[in-house]
């Protein structure tokens, strides 16, 4: 699973938090292992954002965060990613039995 972000996955003083950080924090809190792909740039610059080209090719937009699941499904928008993380927690690993 890949989470495409602008740059930051750290808390900010922005009211409501930074969308990329919110998506990342929700995935971590739910126990998901994911690759963070930093795309840099600003979405309003559109095609000038060569580092966001992969996001544009997948979604038709320049905005992040975007979550790409292992099966190729895309979840766009931080609120949708947070909701997905909360309702799709990974299975807990079973404890290993000790040999008898």
PDB file of N, CA and C in Angstrom:
ATOM      1  N   UNK A   1       0.854  -1.163   0.000  1.00  0.00           N
ATOM      2  CA  UNK A   1       0.000   0.000   0.000  1.00  0.00           C
ATOM      3  C   UNK A   1       0.900   1.225   0.000  1.00  0.00           C
ATOM      4  N   UNK A   2       0.493   2.242  -0.783  1.00  0.00           N
ATOM      5  CA  UNK A   2       1.280   3.476  -0.877  1.00  0.00           C
ATOM      6  C   UNK A   2       0.402   4.675  -0.532  1.00  0.00           C
ATOM      7  N   UNK A   3       0.956   5.574   0.252  1.00  0.00           N
ATOM      8  CA  UNK A   3       0.291   6.837   0.553  1.00  0.00           C
ATOM      9  C   UNK A   3       1.095   7.944  -0.102  1.00  0.00           C
ATOM     10  N   UNK A   4       0.495   8.590  -1.100  1.00  0.00           N
ATOM     11  CA  UNK A   4       1.128   9.723  -1.776  1.00  0.00           C
ATOM     12  C   UNK A   4       0.801  10.978  -0.981  1.00  0.00           C
ATOM     13  N   UNK A   5       1.847  11.702  -0.579  1.00  0.00           N
ATOM     14  CA  UNK A   5       1.687  12.928   0.209  1.00  0.00           C
ATOM     15  C   UNK A   5       2.490  14.048  -0.446  1.00  0.00           C
ATOM     16  N   UNK A   6       2.244  15.286  -0.001  1.00  0.00           N
ATOM     17  CA  UNK A   6       3.030  16.411  -0.526  1.00  0.00           C
ATOM     18  C   UNK A   6       4.464  16.280  -0.012  1.00  0.00           C
ATOM     19  N   UNK A   7       4.608  16.432   1.262  1.00  0.00           N
ATOM     20  CA  UNK A   7       5.897  16.254   1.920  1.00  0.00           C
ATOM     21  C   UNK A   7       5.682  15.829   3.361  1.00  0.00           C
ATOM     22  N   UNK A   8       4.836  16.575   4.048  1.00  0.00           N
ATOM     23  CA  UNK A   8       4.732  16.402   5.481  1.00  0.00           C
ATOM     24  C   UNK A   8       3.817  15.298   5.940  1.00  0.00           C
ATOM     25  N   UNK A   9       4.294  14.544   6.902  1.00  0.00           N
ATOM     26  CA  UNK A   9       3.467  13.580   7.617  1.00  0.00           C
ATOM     27  C   UNK A   9       3.514  13.906   9.107  1.00  0.00           C
ATOM     28  N   UNK A  10       3.943  15.121   9.408  1.00  0.00           N
ATOM     29  CA  UNK A  10       4.135  15.557  10.783  1.00  0.00           C
ATOM     30  C   UNK A  10       3.008  16.515  11.173  1.00  0.00           C
ATOM     31  N   UNK A  11       2.703  16.615  12.464  1.00  0.00           N
ATOM     32  CA  UNK A  11       1.652  17.531  12.923  1.00  0.00           C
ATOM     33  C   UNK A  11       1.993  18.984  12.577  1.00  0.00           C
ATOM     34  N   UNK A  12       0.971  19.765  12.282  1.00  0.00           N
ATOM     35  CA  UNK A  12       1.145  21.188  11.994  1.00  0.00           C
ATOM     36  C   UNK A  12       0.133  21.983  12.808  1.00  0.00           C
ATOM     37  N   UNK A  13       0.351  23.286  12.963  1.00  0.00           N
ATOM     38  CA  UNK A  13      -0.615  24.105  13.701  1.00  0.00           C
ATOM     39  C   UNK A  13      -1.865  24.442  12.876  1.00  0.00           C
ATOM     40  N   UNK A  14      -1.936  23.991  11.649  1.00  0.00           N
ATOM     41  CA  UNK A  14      -3.076  24.261  10.783  1.00  0.00           C
ATOM     42  C   UNK A  14      -4.361  23.737  11.434  1.00  0.00           C
ATOM     43  N   UNK A  15      -5.417  24.539  11.494  1.00  0.00           N
ATOM     44  CA  UNK A  15      -6.681  24.058  12.080  1.00  0.00           C
ATOM     45  C   UNK A  15      -7.159  22.787  11.355  1.00  0.00           C
ATOM     46  N   UNK A  16      -7.450  21.762  12.125  1.00  0.00           N
ATOM     47  CA  UNK A  16      -7.874  20.501  11.549  1.00  0.00           C
ATOM     48  C   UNK A  16      -6.715  19.619  11.141  1.00  0.00           C
ATOM     49  N   UNK A  17      -5.499  20.127  11.240  1.00  0.00           N
ATOM     50  CA  UNK A  17      -4.317  19.359  10.868  1.00  0.00           C
ATOM     51  C   UNK A  17      -4.070  19.388   9.375  1.00  0.00           C
ATOM     52  N   UNK A  18      -2.893  18.971   8.992  1.00  0.00           N
ATOM     53  CA  UNK A  18      -2.530  18.919   7.578  1.00  0.00           C
ATOM     54  C   UNK A  18      -3.133  17.653   6.977  1.00  0.00           C
ATOM     55  N   UNK A  19      -3.782  17.724   5.811  1.00  0.00           N
ATOM     56  CA  UNK A  19      -4.439  16.547   5.237  1.00  0.00           C
ATOM     57  C   UNK A  19      -3.518  15.339   5.066  1.00  0.00           C
ATOM     58  N   UNK A  20      -2.296  15.556   4.614  1.00  0.00           N
ATOM     59  CA  UNK A  20      -1.369  14.438   4.423  1.00  0.00           C
ATOM     60  C   UNK A  20      -1.000  13.809   5.764  1.00  0.00           C
ATOM     61  N   UNK A  21      -0.760  14.642   6.761  1.00  0.00           N
ATOM     62  CA  UNK A  21      -0.427  14.146   8.096  1.00  0.00           C
ATOM     63  C   UNK A  21      -1.615  13.407   8.703  1.00  0.00           C
ATOM     64  N   UNK A  22      -2.830  13.908   8.499  1.00  0.00           N
ATOM     65  CA  UNK A  22      -4.024  13.251   9.037  1.00  0.00           C
ATOM     66  C   UNK A  22      -4.186  11.851   8.443  1.00  0.00           C
ATOM     67  N   UNK A  23      -3.997  11.743   7.135  1.00  0.00           N
ATOM     68  CA  UNK A  23      -4.125  10.444   6.471  1.00  0.00           C
ATOM     69  C   UNK A  23      -3.057   9.482   6.993  1.00  0.00           C
ATOM     70  N   UNK A  24      -1.827   9.948   7.076  1.00  0.00           N
ATOM     71  CA  UNK A  24      -0.720   9.114   7.565  1.00  0.00           C
ATOM     72  C   UNK A  24      -0.981   8.668   9.006  1.00  0.00           C
ATOM     73  N   UNK A  25      -1.378   9.590   9.861  1.00  0.00           N
ATOM     74  CA  UNK A  25      -1.611   9.270  11.271  1.00  0.00           C
ATOM     75  C   UNK A  25      -2.728   8.238  11.420  1.00  0.00           C
ATOM     76  N   UNK A  26      -3.771   8.340  10.617  1.00  0.00           N
ATOM     77  CA  UNK A  26      -4.877   7.389  10.696  1.00  0.00           C
ATOM     78  C   UNK A  26      -4.430   5.987  10.293  1.00  0.00           C
ATOM     79  N   UNK A  27      -3.607   5.901   9.255  1.00  0.00           N
ATOM     80  CA  UNK A  27      -3.097   4.597   8.832  1.00  0.00           C
ATOM     81  C   UNK A  27      -2.210   3.974   9.905  1.00  0.00           C
ATOM     82  N   UNK A  28      -1.347   4.787  10.493  1.00  0.00           N
ATOM     83  CA  UNK A  28      -0.452   4.301  11.556  1.00  0.00           C
ATOM     84  C   UNK A  28      -1.278   3.857  12.770  1.00  0.00           C
ATOM     85  N   UNK A  29      -2.248   4.687  13.177  1.00  0.00           N
ATOM     86  CA  UNK A  29      -3.064   4.367  14.351  1.00  0.00           C
ATOM     87  C   UNK A  29      -3.858   3.074  14.150  1.00  0.00           C
ATOM     88  N   UNK A  30      -4.268   2.814  12.906  1.00  0.00           N
ATOM     89  CA  UNK A  30      -5.029   1.602  12.620  1.00  0.00           C
ATOM     90  C   UNK A  30      -4.131   0.372  12.489  1.00  0.00           C
ATOM     91  N   UNK A  31      -2.816   0.585  12.419  1.00  0.00           N
ATOM     92  CA  UNK A  31      -1.882  -0.523  12.335  1.00  0.00           C
ATOM     93  C   UNK A  31      -1.509  -0.936  10.922  1.00  0.00           C
ATOM     94  N   UNK A  32      -1.779  -0.074   9.944  1.00  0.00           N
ATOM     95  CA  UNK A  32      -1.424  -0.387   8.558  1.00  0.00           C
ATOM     96  C   UNK A  32       0.044  -0.084   8.295  1.00  0.00           C
ATOM     97  N   UNK A  33       0.702  -0.985   7.585  1.00  0.00           N
ATOM     98  CA  UNK A  33       2.049  -0.720   7.107  1.00  0.00           C
ATOM     99  C   UNK A  33       1.904  -0.186   5.694  1.00  0.00           C
ATOM    100  N   UNK A  34       2.537   0.944   5.425  1.00  0.00           N
ATOM    101  CA  UNK A  34       2.408   1.566   4.106  1.00  0.00           C
ATOM    102  C   UNK A  34       3.683   2.304   3.745  1.00  0.00           C
ATOM    103  N   UNK A  35       3.876   2.442   2.452  1.00  0.00           N
ATOM    104  CA  UNK A  35       5.007   3.218   1.936  1.00  0.00           C
ATOM    105  C   UNK A  35       4.536   4.661   1.775  1.00  0.00           C
ATOM    106  N   UNK A  36       5.332   5.606   2.235  1.00  0.00           N
ATOM    107  CA  UNK A  36       5.028   7.025   2.040  1.00  0.00           C
ATOM    108  C   UNK A  36       5.796   7.506   0.815  1.00  0.00           C
ATOM    109  N   UNK A  37       5.061   8.021  -0.161  1.00  0.00           N
ATOM    110  CA  UNK A  37       5.661   8.548  -1.389  1.00  0.00           C
ATOM    111  C   UNK A  37       5.494  10.065  -1.365  1.00  0.00           C
ATOM    112  N   UNK A  38       6.598  10.775  -1.219  1.00  0.00           N
ATOM    113  CA  UNK A  38       6.545  12.247  -1.173  1.00  0.00           C
ATOM    114  C   UNK A  38       6.559  12.794  -2.604  1.00  0.00           C
ATOM    115  N   UNK A  39       5.553  13.618  -2.904  1.00  0.00           N
ATOM    116  CA  UNK A  39       5.415  14.131  -4.270  1.00  0.00           C
ATOM    117  C   UNK A  39       5.810  15.599  -4.391  1.00  0.00           C
ATOM    118  N   UNK A  40       6.025  16.265  -3.276  1.00  0.00           N
ATOM    119  CA  UNK A  40       6.478  17.662  -3.270  1.00  0.00           C
ATOM    120  C   UNK A  40       5.526  18.568  -4.057  1.00  0.00           C
ATOM    121  N   UNK A  41       5.925  19.798  -4.301  1.00  0.00           N
ATOM    122  CA  UNK A  41       5.170  20.732  -5.134  1.00  0.00           C
ATOM    123  C   UNK A  41       3.829  21.152  -4.559  1.00  0.00           C
ATOM    124  N   UNK A  42       3.145  21.998  -5.312  1.00  0.00           N
ATOM    125  CA  UNK A  42       1.815  22.489  -4.950  1.00  0.00           C
ATOM    126  C   UNK A  42       0.840  22.130  -6.054  1.00  0.00           C
ATOM    127  N   UNK A  43      -0.307  21.605  -5.680  1.00  0.00           N
ATOM    128  CA  UNK A  43      -1.297  21.169  -6.664  1.00  0.00           C
ATOM    129  C   UNK A  43      -1.714  22.268  -7.643  1.00  0.00           C
ATOM    130  N   UNK A  44      -1.871  23.528  -7.210  1.00  0.00           N
ATOM    131  CA  UNK A  44      -2.300  24.552  -8.174  1.00  0.00           C
ATOM    132  C   UNK A  44      -1.330  24.771  -9.336  1.00  0.00           C
ATOM    133  N   UNK A  45      -0.099  24.281  -9.208  1.00  0.00           N
ATOM    134  CA  UNK A  45       0.863  24.438 -10.303  1.00  0.00           C
ATOM    135  C   UNK A  45       0.643  23.422 -11.415  1.00  0.00           C
ATOM    136  N   UNK A  46      -0.261  22.462 -11.193  1.00  0.00           N
ATOM    137  CA  UNK A  46      -0.632  21.503 -12.225  1.00  0.00           C
ATOM    138  C   UNK A  46       0.548  20.829 -12.896  1.00  0.00           C
ATOM    139  N   UNK A  47       0.613  20.907 -14.241  1.00  0.00           N
ATOM    140  CA  UNK A  47       1.642  20.182 -14.981  1.00  0.00           C
ATOM    141  C   UNK A  47       3.078  20.600 -14.649  1.00  0.00           C
ATOM    142  N   UNK A  48       3.247  21.732 -13.988  1.00  0.00           N
ATOM    143  CA  UNK A  48       4.598  22.127 -13.575  1.00  0.00           C
ATOM    144  C   UNK A  48       5.114  21.232 -12.453  1.00  0.00           C
ATOM    145  N   UNK A  49       4.210  20.492 -11.828  1.00  0.00           N
ATOM    146  CA  UNK A  49       4.570  19.560 -10.755  1.00  0.00           C
ATOM    147  C   UNK A  49       4.989  18.223 -11.348  1.00  0.00           C
ATOM    148  N   UNK A  50       6.172  18.156 -11.862  1.00  0.00           N
ATOM    149  CA  UNK A  50       6.606  16.904 -12.491  1.00  0.00           C
ATOM    150  C   UNK A  50       6.673  15.759 -11.485  1.00  0.00           C
ATOM    151  N   UNK A  51       6.902  16.071 -10.223  1.00  0.00           N
ATOM    152  CA  UNK A  51       6.992  15.011  -9.219  1.00  0.00           C
ATOM    153  C   UNK A  51       5.609  14.483  -8.828  1.00  0.00           C
ATOM    154  N   UNK A  52       4.553  15.185  -9.203  1.00  0.00           N
ATOM    155  CA  UNK A  52       3.189  14.704  -8.938  1.00  0.00           C
ATOM    156  C   UNK A  52       2.567  14.059 -10.171  1.00  0.00           C
ATOM    157  N   UNK A  53       3.353  13.871 -11.196  1.00  0.00           N
ATOM    158  CA  UNK A  53       2.819  13.304 -12.440  1.00  0.00           C
ATOM    159  C   UNK A  53       2.180  11.936 -12.199  1.00  0.00           C
ATOM    160  N   UNK A  54       2.784  11.109 -11.366  1.00  0.00           N
ATOM    161  CA  UNK A  54       2.238   9.782 -11.112  1.00  0.00           C
ATOM    162  C   UNK A  54       0.847   9.874 -10.477  1.00  0.00           C
ATOM    163  N   UNK A  55       0.646  10.839  -9.587  1.00  0.00           N
ATOM    164  CA  UNK A  55      -0.668  11.033  -8.976  1.00  0.00           C
ATOM    165  C   UNK A  55      -1.674  11.460 -10.045  1.00  0.00           C
ATOM    166  N   UNK A  56      -1.262  12.371 -10.917  1.00  0.00           N
ATOM    167  CA  UNK A  56      -2.149  12.829 -11.986  1.00  0.00           C
ATOM    168  C   UNK A  56      -2.495  11.688 -12.934  1.00  0.00           C
ATOM    169  N   UNK A  57      -1.536  10.860 -13.256  1.00  0.00           N
ATOM    170  CA  UNK A  57      -1.794   9.727 -14.153  1.00  0.00           C
ATOM    171  C   UNK A  57      -2.770   8.733 -13.538  1.00  0.00           C
ATOM    172  N   UNK A  58      -2.701   8.554 -12.222  1.00  0.00           N
ATOM    173  CA  UNK A  58      -3.577   7.593 -11.556  1.00  0.00           C
ATOM    174  C   UNK A  58      -4.969   8.152 -11.285  1.00  0.00           C
ATOM    175  N   UNK A  59      -5.055   9.458 -10.982  1.00  0.00           N
ATOM    176  CA  UNK A  59      -6.323  10.020 -10.507  1.00  0.00           C
ATOM    177  C   UNK A  59      -6.922  11.096 -11.410  1.00  0.00           C
ATOM    178  N   UNK A  60      -6.112  11.677 -12.298  1.00  0.00           N
ATOM    179  CA  UNK A  60      -6.596  12.790 -13.104  1.00  0.00           C
ATOM    180  C   UNK A  60      -6.555  14.113 -12.370  1.00  0.00           C
ATOM    181  N   UNK A  61      -5.993  14.126 -11.181  1.00  0.00           N
ATOM    182  CA  UNK A  61      -5.876  15.356 -10.391  1.00  0.00           C
ATOM    183  C   UNK A  61      -4.456  15.493  -9.857  1.00  0.00           C
ATOM    184  N   UNK A  62      -4.163  16.656  -9.330  1.00  0.00           N
ATOM    185  CA  UNK A  62      -2.815  16.932  -8.797  1.00  0.00           C
ATOM    186  C   UNK A  62      -2.780  16.918  -7.274  1.00  0.00           C
ATOM    187  N   UNK A  63      -3.924  16.789  -6.629  1.00  0.00           N
ATOM    188  CA  UNK A  63      -4.011  16.909  -5.176  1.00  0.00           C
ATOM    189  C   UNK A  63      -3.635  15.608  -4.478  1.00  0.00           C
ATOM    190  N   UNK A  64      -3.003  15.728  -3.334  1.00  0.00           N
ATOM    191  CA  UNK A  64      -2.699  14.611  -2.445  1.00  0.00           C
ATOM    192  C   UNK A  64      -3.282  14.956  -1.079  1.00  0.00           C
ATOM    193  N   UNK A  65      -3.519  14.013  -0.216  1.00  0.00           N
ATOM    194  CA  UNK A  65      -3.069  12.638  -0.230  1.00  0.00           C
ATOM    195  C   UNK A  65      -3.939  11.728  -1.091  1.00  0.00           C
ATOM    196  N   UNK A  66      -3.303  10.665  -1.554  1.00  0.00           N
ATOM    197  CA  UNK A  66      -3.963   9.587  -2.285  1.00  0.00           C
ATOM    198  C   UNK A  66      -3.408   8.283  -1.727  1.00  0.00           C
ATOM    199  N   UNK A  67      -4.307   7.369  -1.403  1.00  0.00           N
ATOM    200  CA  UNK A  67      -3.899   6.057  -0.913  1.00  0.00           C
ATOM    201  C   UNK A  67      -4.124   5.044  -2.022  1.00  0.00           C
ATOM    202  N   UNK A  68      -3.064   4.323  -2.373  1.00  0.00           N
ATOM    203  CA  UNK A  68      -3.163   3.249  -3.352  1.00  0.00           C
ATOM    204  C   UNK A  68      -3.050   1.920  -2.612  1.00  0.00           C
ATOM    205  N   UNK A  69      -4.124   1.148  -2.653  1.00  0.00           N
ATOM    206  CA  UNK A  69      -4.139  -0.144  -1.980  1.00  0.00           C
ATOM    207  C   UNK A  69      -3.366  -1.173  -2.796  1.00  0.00           C
ATOM    208  N   UNK A  70      -3.058  -2.278  -2.184  1.00  0.00           N
ATOM    209  CA  UNK A  70      -2.267  -3.319  -2.855  1.00  0.00           C
ATOM    210  C   UNK A  70      -2.964  -3.873  -4.092  1.00  0.00           C
ATOM    211  N   UNK A  71      -4.301  -3.813  -4.125  1.00  0.00           N
ATOM    212  CA  UNK A  71      -5.037  -4.315  -5.288  1.00  0.00           C
ATOM    213  C   UNK A  71      -5.218  -3.249  -6.371  1.00  0.00           C
ATOM    214  N   UNK A  72      -4.617  -2.050  -6.163  1.00  0.00           N
ATOM    215  CA  UNK A  72      -4.692  -0.979  -7.148  1.00  0.00           C
ATOM    216  C   UNK A  72      -5.812   0.007  -6.913  1.00  0.00           C
ATOM    217  N   UNK A  73      -6.721  -0.291  -5.979  1.00  0.00           N
ATOM    218  CA  UNK A  73      -7.806   0.643  -5.671  1.00  0.00           C
ATOM    219  C   UNK A  73      -7.213   1.937  -5.126  1.00  0.00           C
ATOM    220  N   UNK A  74      -7.801   3.075  -5.516  1.00  0.00           N
ATOM    221  CA  UNK A  74      -7.328   4.383  -5.063  1.00  0.00           C
ATOM    222  C   UNK A  74      -8.360   5.009  -4.145  1.00  0.00           C
ATOM    223  N   UNK A  75      -7.886   5.581  -3.057  1.00  0.00           N
ATOM    224  CA  UNK A  75      -8.737   6.348  -2.159  1.00  0.00           C
ATOM    225  C   UNK A  75      -8.169   7.748  -2.137  1.00  0.00           C
ATOM    226  N   UNK A  76      -8.994   8.693  -2.568  1.00  0.00           N
ATOM    227  CA  UNK A  76      -8.570  10.077  -2.736  1.00  0.00           C
ATOM    228  C   UNK A  76      -9.244  10.923  -1.663  1.00  0.00           C
ATOM    229  N   UNK A  77      -8.515  11.839  -1.069  1.00  0.00           N
ATOM    230  CA  UNK A  77      -9.010  12.780  -0.060  1.00  0.00           C
ATOM    231  C   UNK A  77      -8.689  12.252   1.338  1.00  0.00           C
ATOM    232  N   UNK A  78      -8.160  13.120   2.150  1.00  0.00           N
ATOM    233  CA  UNK A  78      -7.717  12.704   3.482  1.00  0.00           C
ATOM    234  C   UNK A  78      -8.857  12.184   4.340  1.00  0.00           C
ATOM    235  N   UNK A  79     -10.032  12.793   4.254  1.00  0.00           N
ATOM    236  CA  UNK A  79     -11.152  12.328   5.078  1.00  0.00           C
ATOM    237  C   UNK A  79     -11.577  10.917   4.686  1.00  0.00           C
ATOM    238  N   UNK A  80     -11.550  10.618   3.395  1.00  0.00           N
ATOM    239  CA  UNK A  80     -11.898   9.276   2.944  1.00  0.00           C
ATOM    240  C   UNK A  80     -10.828   8.267   3.349  1.00  0.00           C
ATOM    241  N   UNK A  81      -9.565   8.687   3.340  1.00  0.00           N
ATOM    242  CA  UNK A  81      -8.481   7.801   3.765  1.00  0.00           C
ATOM    243  C   UNK A  81      -8.595   7.518   5.261  1.00  0.00           C
ATOM    244  N   UNK A  82      -8.880   8.546   6.050  1.00  0.00           N
ATOM    245  CA  UNK A  82      -9.052   8.367   7.500  1.00  0.00           C
ATOM    246  C   UNK A  82     -10.210   7.408   7.761  1.00  0.00           C
ATOM    247  N   UNK A  83     -11.333   7.608   7.074  1.00  0.00           N
ATOM    248  CA  UNK A  83     -12.497   6.731   7.266  1.00  0.00           C
ATOM    249  C   UNK A  83     -12.169   5.297   6.862  1.00  0.00           C
ATOM    250  N   UNK A  84     -11.462   5.121   5.752  1.00  0.00           N
ATOM    251  CA  UNK A  84     -11.085   3.783   5.306  1.00  0.00           C
ATOM    252  C   UNK A  84     -10.191   3.104   6.347  1.00  0.00           C
ATOM    253  N   UNK A  85      -9.208   3.846   6.869  1.00  0.00           N
ATOM    254  CA  UNK A  85      -8.275   3.280   7.852  1.00  0.00           C
ATOM    255  C   UNK A  85      -9.018   2.815   9.104  1.00  0.00           C
ATOM    256  N   UNK A  86     -10.005   3.580   9.511  1.00  0.00           N
ATOM    257  CA  UNK A  86     -10.744   3.232  10.733  1.00  0.00           C
ATOM    258  C   UNK A  86     -11.636   2.007  10.542  1.00  0.00           C
ATOM    259  N   UNK A  87     -12.128   1.792   9.349  1.00  0.00           N
ATOM    260  CA  UNK A  87     -13.054   0.680   9.115  1.00  0.00           C
ATOM    261  C   UNK A  87     -12.386  -0.539   8.498  1.00  0.00           C
ATOM    262  N   UNK A  88     -11.138  -0.442   8.119  1.00  0.00           N
ATOM    263  CA  UNK A  88     -10.416  -1.553   7.494  1.00  0.00           C
ATOM    264  C   UNK A  88      -9.106  -1.833   8.213  1.00  0.00           C
ATOM    265  N   UNK A  89      -9.206  -2.146   9.453  1.00  0.00           N
ATOM    266  CA  UNK A  89      -7.996  -2.433  10.230  1.00  0.00           C
ATOM    267  C   UNK A  89      -7.391  -3.754   9.765  1.00  0.00           C
ATOM    268  N   UNK A  90      -6.061  -3.822   9.737  1.00  0.00           N
ATOM    269  CA  UNK A  90      -5.427  -5.090   9.339  1.00  0.00           C
ATOM    270  C   UNK A  90      -5.682  -6.160  10.400  1.00  0.00           C
ATOM    271  N   UNK A  91      -5.700  -7.426   9.986  1.00  0.00           N
ATOM    272  CA  UNK A  91      -5.896  -8.493  10.984  1.00  0.00           C
ATOM    273  C   UNK A  91      -4.731  -8.536  11.958  1.00  0.00           C
ATOM    274  N   UNK A  92      -5.057  -8.849  13.187  1.00  0.00           N
ATOM    275  CA  UNK A  92      -4.014  -8.976  14.204  1.00  0.00           C
ATOM    276  C   UNK A  92      -3.287 -10.296  13.987  1.00  0.00           C
ATOM    277  N   UNK A  93      -1.956 -10.271  14.069  1.00  0.00           N
ATOM    278  CA  UNK A  93      -1.219 -11.538  13.913  1.00  0.00           C
ATOM    279  C   UNK A  93      -1.536 -12.480  15.069  1.00  0.00           C
ATOM    280  N   UNK A  94      -1.643 -13.749  14.745  1.00  0.00           N
ATOM    281  CA  UNK A  94      -1.899 -14.752  15.785  1.00  0.00           C
ATOM    282  C   UNK A  94      -0.606 -15.026  16.535  1.00  0.00           C
ATOM    283  N   UNK A  95      -0.698 -15.173  17.836  1.00  0.00           N
ATOM    284  CA  UNK A  95       0.516 -15.503  18.591  1.00  0.00           C
ATOM    285  C   UNK A  95       1.011 -16.895  18.184  1.00  0.00           C
ATOM    286  N   UNK A  96       2.310 -17.017  18.094  1.00  0.00           N
ATOM    287  CA  UNK A  96       2.908 -18.303  17.740  1.00  0.00           C
ATOM    288  C   UNK A  96       2.826 -19.244  18.922  1.00  0.00           C
ATOM    289  N   UNK A  97       2.490 -20.477  18.621  1.00  0.00           N
ATOM    290  CA  UNK A  97       2.444 -21.490  19.681  1.00  0.00           C
ATOM    291  C   UNK A  97       3.853 -21.993  19.951  1.00  0.00           C
ATOM    292  N   UNK A  98       4.110 -22.250  21.195  1.00  0.00           N
ATOM    293  CA  UNK A  98       5.406 -22.800  21.562  1.00  0.00           C
ATOM    294  C   UNK A  98       5.390 -24.292  21.266  1.00  0.00           C
ATOM    295  N   UNK A  99       6.495 -24.809  20.743  1.00  0.00           N
ATOM    296  CA  UNK A  99       6.541 -26.256  20.467  1.00  0.00           C
ATOM    297  C   UNK A  99       6.431 -27.058  21.757  1.00  0.00           C
ATOM    298  N   UNK A 100       5.788 -28.207  21.654  1.00  0.00           N
ATOM    299  CA  UNK A 100       5.611 -29.057  22.850  1.00  0.00           C
ATOM    300  C   UNK A 100       6.739 -30.028  22.998  1.00  0.00           C
TER     301      UNK A 100
END
